[in-house]
Amino acid sequence: MSQESLAKDKKEFRSLVLQLKKLNPSWQAKEITKLIVQWENQPNYTTSTTLRVKVWRILKRNTIDDLPRSGVPRTTTSTEYLQAVKANIEF
């Protein structure tokens, strides 16, 4: 899967969880997780506990957008970059 499709899937799942919460304001993460586990096309999480933590974090954040990453920016590891590093190491 491409990076864009993964990001799209994440946002769709977050949106779905927030819509369920909007429809049923009294529901907590546990109830939403029980409903999602019953679906035929459920997300690929290893256990229901992992899914519940994911739902809890989405409800706590209350947004479909990613949080900004703190700290140093991630480095890029493109093939051109790796070739340049190898060339520099050889000298």
N, C-alpha and C. Protein backbone atom coordinates (compact mmCIF):
# COMPACT_ATOMS: atom_id res chain seq x y z
N MET A 1 0.83 -1.19 0.00
CA MET A 1 0.00 0.00 0.00
C MET A 1 0.88 1.25 0.00
N SER A 2 0.37 2.25 -0.66
CA SER A 2 1.13 3.49 -0.70
C SER A 2 0.90 4.30 0.57
N GLN A 3 1.75 5.27 0.77
CA GLN A 3 1.69 6.12 1.96
C GLN A 3 0.38 6.92 2.00
N GLU A 4 -0.07 7.38 0.81
CA GLU A 4 -1.31 8.16 0.75
C GLU A 4 -2.52 7.32 1.12
N SER A 5 -2.54 6.06 0.65
CA SER A 5 -3.69 5.21 0.95
C SER A 5 -3.73 4.84 2.44
N LEU A 6 -2.55 4.66 3.05
CA LEU A 6 -2.51 4.37 4.49
C LEU A 6 -3.03 5.56 5.28
N ALA A 7 -2.63 6.76 4.90
CA ALA A 7 -3.09 7.97 5.58
C ALA A 7 -4.59 8.14 5.39
N LYS A 8 -5.07 7.83 4.19
CA LYS A 8 -6.50 7.95 3.91
C LYS A 8 -7.29 6.95 4.76
N ASP A 9 -6.79 5.71 4.86
CA ASP A 9 -7.46 4.69 5.67
C ASP A 9 -7.51 5.09 7.14
N LYS A 10 -6.41 5.66 7.65
CA LYS A 10 -6.38 6.10 9.04
C LYS A 10 -7.43 7.17 9.28
N LYS A 11 -7.49 8.14 8.38
CA LYS A 11 -8.45 9.24 8.55
C LYS A 11 -9.88 8.74 8.44
N GLU A 12 -10.13 7.79 7.55
CA GLU A 12 -11.48 7.22 7.43
C GLU A 12 -11.87 6.49 8.71
N PHE A 13 -10.94 5.72 9.27
CA PHE A 13 -11.24 5.00 10.51
C PHE A 13 -11.50 5.97 11.66
N ARG A 14 -10.65 7.00 11.76
CA ARG A 14 -10.85 8.00 12.81
C ARG A 14 -12.18 8.69 12.65
N SER A 15 -12.53 9.03 11.43
CA SER A 15 -13.81 9.69 11.16
C SER A 15 -14.97 8.79 11.56
N LEU A 16 -14.86 7.51 11.25
CA LEU A 16 -15.90 6.55 11.60
C LEU A 16 -16.08 6.46 13.12
N VAL A 17 -14.98 6.38 13.84
CA VAL A 17 -15.06 6.30 15.30
C VAL A 17 -15.71 7.56 15.88
N LEU A 18 -15.33 8.72 15.37
CA LEU A 18 -15.91 9.97 15.87
C LEU A 18 -17.38 10.09 15.51
N GLN A 19 -17.78 9.56 14.35
CA GLN A 19 -19.20 9.58 13.99
C GLN A 19 -20.01 8.65 14.90
N LEU A 20 -19.45 7.49 15.23
CA LEU A 20 -20.13 6.60 16.18
C LEU A 20 -20.31 7.27 17.53
N LYS A 21 -19.30 7.99 17.96
CA LYS A 21 -19.39 8.70 19.24
C LYS A 21 -20.44 9.80 19.17
N LYS A 22 -20.53 10.47 18.02
CA LYS A 22 -21.52 11.53 17.86
C LYS A 22 -22.94 10.96 17.87
N LEU A 23 -23.12 9.79 17.27
CA LEU A 23 -24.43 9.14 17.25
C LEU A 23 -24.84 8.62 18.63
N ASN A 24 -23.85 8.16 19.38
CA ASN A 24 -24.11 7.59 20.71
C ASN A 24 -23.18 8.25 21.72
N PRO A 25 -23.52 9.43 22.22
CA PRO A 25 -22.61 10.17 23.10
C PRO A 25 -22.25 9.45 24.40
N SER A 26 -23.09 8.54 24.85
CA SER A 26 -22.80 7.86 26.11
C SER A 26 -21.80 6.71 25.94
N TRP A 27 -21.53 6.31 24.71
CA TRP A 27 -20.61 5.20 24.47
C TRP A 27 -19.18 5.61 24.76
N GLN A 28 -18.46 4.68 25.35
CA GLN A 28 -17.04 4.85 25.60
C GLN A 28 -16.27 3.98 24.60
N ALA A 29 -14.97 3.95 24.72
CA ALA A 29 -14.13 3.19 23.80
C ALA A 29 -14.49 1.71 23.80
N LYS A 30 -14.85 1.18 24.95
CA LYS A 30 -15.15 -0.25 25.07
C LYS A 30 -16.36 -0.63 24.21
N GLU A 31 -17.41 0.17 24.25
CA GLU A 31 -18.61 -0.14 23.48
C GLU A 31 -18.38 0.01 21.98
N ILE A 32 -17.63 1.04 21.60
CA ILE A 32 -17.34 1.24 20.19
C ILE A 32 -16.47 0.10 19.66
N THR A 33 -15.52 -0.36 20.47
CA THR A 33 -14.66 -1.47 20.08
C THR A 33 -15.48 -2.75 19.90
N LYS A 34 -16.40 -2.99 20.81
CA LYS A 34 -17.25 -4.19 20.68
C LYS A 34 -18.02 -4.17 19.37
N LEU A 35 -18.53 -3.02 19.00
CA LEU A 35 -19.28 -2.90 17.75
C LEU A 35 -18.36 -3.13 16.54
N ILE A 36 -17.17 -2.56 16.56
CA ILE A 36 -16.25 -2.70 15.44
C ILE A 36 -15.79 -4.14 15.28
N VAL A 37 -15.56 -4.83 16.38
CA VAL A 37 -15.11 -6.23 16.33
C VAL A 37 -16.16 -7.12 15.69
N GLN A 38 -17.43 -6.77 15.83
CA GLN A 38 -18.51 -7.57 15.26
C GLN A 38 -18.64 -7.40 13.75
N TRP A 39 -18.03 -6.36 13.19
CA TRP A 39 -18.14 -6.11 11.76
C TRP A 39 -17.43 -7.17 10.96
N GLU A 40 -17.90 -7.35 9.75
CA GLU A 40 -17.28 -8.32 8.86
C GLU A 40 -15.94 -7.81 8.34
N ASN A 41 -15.84 -6.52 8.10
CA ASN A 41 -14.64 -5.90 7.54
C ASN A 41 -13.92 -5.06 8.59
N GLN A 42 -13.49 -5.67 9.65
CA GLN A 42 -12.85 -4.93 10.74
C GLN A 42 -11.40 -4.61 10.42
N PRO A 43 -10.84 -3.59 11.07
CA PRO A 43 -9.44 -3.22 10.81
C PRO A 43 -8.47 -4.31 11.26
N ASN A 44 -7.26 -4.26 10.73
CA ASN A 44 -6.23 -5.26 11.03
C ASN A 44 -5.45 -4.91 12.29
N TYR A 45 -6.01 -5.15 13.43
CA TYR A 45 -5.29 -4.99 14.68
C TYR A 45 -5.24 -6.36 15.33
N THR A 46 -4.16 -6.63 16.04
CA THR A 46 -3.93 -7.98 16.53
C THR A 46 -4.94 -8.42 17.57
N THR A 47 -5.28 -7.55 18.50
CA THR A 47 -6.22 -7.93 19.55
C THR A 47 -7.27 -6.85 19.73
N SER A 48 -8.32 -7.20 20.42
CA SER A 48 -9.36 -6.21 20.69
C SER A 48 -8.85 -5.15 21.67
N THR A 49 -7.90 -5.52 22.52
CA THR A 49 -7.31 -4.56 23.45
C THR A 49 -6.55 -3.48 22.68
N THR A 50 -5.81 -3.88 21.68
CA THR A 50 -5.09 -2.92 20.85
C THR A 50 -6.06 -1.99 20.15
N LEU A 51 -7.14 -2.57 19.63
CA LEU A 51 -8.17 -1.77 18.96
C LEU A 51 -8.82 -0.81 19.94
N ARG A 52 -9.08 -1.27 21.17
CA ARG A 52 -9.70 -0.41 22.17
C ARG A 52 -8.81 0.78 22.52
N VAL A 53 -7.51 0.55 22.65
CA VAL A 53 -6.57 1.64 22.93
C VAL A 53 -6.56 2.63 21.78
N LYS A 54 -6.60 2.11 20.56
CA LYS A 54 -6.63 2.98 19.38
C LYS A 54 -7.89 3.85 19.39
N VAL A 55 -9.03 3.24 19.66
CA VAL A 55 -10.30 3.98 19.71
C VAL A 55 -10.26 5.00 20.85
N TRP A 56 -9.72 4.62 21.99
CA TRP A 56 -9.65 5.53 23.13
C TRP A 56 -8.82 6.76 22.79
N ARG A 57 -7.69 6.54 22.11
CA ARG A 57 -6.84 7.67 21.72
C ARG A 57 -7.53 8.58 20.72
N ILE A 58 -8.28 8.00 19.80
CA ILE A 58 -9.02 8.81 18.83
C ILE A 58 -10.06 9.65 19.54
N LEU A 59 -10.78 9.05 20.48
CA LEU A 59 -11.80 9.79 21.23
C LEU A 59 -11.16 10.89 22.08
N LYS A 60 -10.03 10.60 22.66
CA LYS A 60 -9.33 11.58 23.49
C LYS A 60 -8.85 12.76 22.65
N ARG A 61 -8.30 12.46 21.46
CA ARG A 61 -7.78 13.50 20.57
C ARG A 61 -8.92 14.30 19.95
N ASN A 62 -10.03 13.62 19.62
CA ASN A 62 -11.24 14.22 19.07
C ASN A 62 -10.99 14.93 17.73
N THR A 63 -10.11 14.38 16.92
CA THR A 63 -9.86 14.91 15.59
C THR A 63 -9.38 13.79 14.68
N ILE A 64 -9.56 13.96 13.37
CA ILE A 64 -9.10 12.93 12.45
C ILE A 64 -7.67 13.19 11.98
N ASP A 65 -7.14 14.37 12.28
CA ASP A 65 -5.80 14.73 11.83
C ASP A 65 -4.74 14.16 12.77
N ASP A 66 -3.56 13.91 12.21
CA ASP A 66 -2.43 13.44 13.00
C ASP A 66 -1.93 14.56 13.90
N LEU A 67 -1.37 14.19 15.03
CA LEU A 67 -0.74 15.17 15.89
C LEU A 67 0.61 15.55 15.29
N PRO A 68 1.05 16.77 15.49
CA PRO A 68 2.37 17.12 14.97
C PRO A 68 3.45 16.31 15.69
N ARG A 69 4.45 15.94 14.95
CA ARG A 69 5.53 15.14 15.52
C ARG A 69 6.48 16.05 16.26
N SER A 70 6.80 15.67 17.49
CA SER A 70 7.73 16.47 18.28
C SER A 70 9.16 15.99 18.02
N GLY A 71 10.10 16.86 18.26
CA GLY A 71 11.49 16.46 18.13
C GLY A 71 12.08 16.74 16.77
N VAL A 72 13.16 16.06 16.48
CA VAL A 72 13.92 16.27 15.26
C VAL A 72 13.13 15.71 14.07
N PRO A 73 13.13 16.40 12.94
CA PRO A 73 12.44 15.87 11.76
C PRO A 73 13.03 14.54 11.32
N ARG A 74 12.20 13.71 10.73
CA ARG A 74 12.67 12.42 10.24
C ARG A 74 13.60 12.62 9.06
N THR A 75 14.59 11.75 8.97
CA THR A 75 15.52 11.83 7.84
C THR A 75 14.94 11.06 6.67
N THR A 76 15.33 11.47 5.48
CA THR A 76 14.87 10.76 4.29
C THR A 76 15.91 9.72 3.91
N THR A 77 15.45 8.59 3.47
CA THR A 77 16.36 7.53 3.06
C THR A 77 16.00 7.10 1.65
N SER A 78 16.09 8.02 0.70
CA SER A 78 15.84 7.67 -0.69
C SER A 78 17.07 6.96 -1.25
N THR A 79 16.91 6.35 -2.40
CA THR A 79 18.02 5.62 -3.01
C THR A 79 19.16 6.57 -3.38
N GLU A 80 18.81 7.78 -3.81
CA GLU A 80 19.85 8.76 -4.15
C GLU A 80 20.67 9.13 -2.91
N TYR A 81 19.98 9.31 -1.81
CA TYR A 81 20.65 9.66 -0.57
C TYR A 81 21.59 8.54 -0.13
N LEU A 82 21.12 7.31 -0.18
CA LEU A 82 21.94 6.17 0.22
C LEU A 82 23.17 6.03 -0.67
N GLN A 83 22.99 6.25 -1.97
CA GLN A 83 24.13 6.17 -2.88
C GLN A 83 25.16 7.26 -2.57
N ALA A 84 24.68 8.46 -2.24
CA ALA A 84 25.59 9.55 -1.91
C ALA A 84 26.37 9.24 -0.63
N VAL A 85 25.71 8.65 0.34
CA VAL A 85 26.38 8.29 1.60
C VAL A 85 27.43 7.22 1.34
N LYS A 86 27.09 6.21 0.53
CA LYS A 86 28.06 5.17 0.23
C LYS A 86 29.26 5.72 -0.53
N ALA A 87 29.00 6.66 -1.43
CA ALA A 87 30.10 7.28 -2.17
C ALA A 87 31.01 8.06 -1.25
N ASN A 88 30.45 8.77 -0.28
CA ASN A 88 31.23 9.52 0.68
C ASN A 88 32.03 8.62 1.61
N ILE A 89 31.47 7.49 1.96
CA ILE A 89 32.16 6.56 2.85
C ILE A 89 33.38 5.95 2.15
N GLU A 90 33.26 5.71 0.85
CA GLU A 90 34.36 5.11 0.10
C GLU A 90 35.58 6.02 0.03
N PHE A 91 35.37 7.34 0.06
CA PHE A 91 36.49 8.28 0.00
C PHE A 91 37.18 8.30 1.28
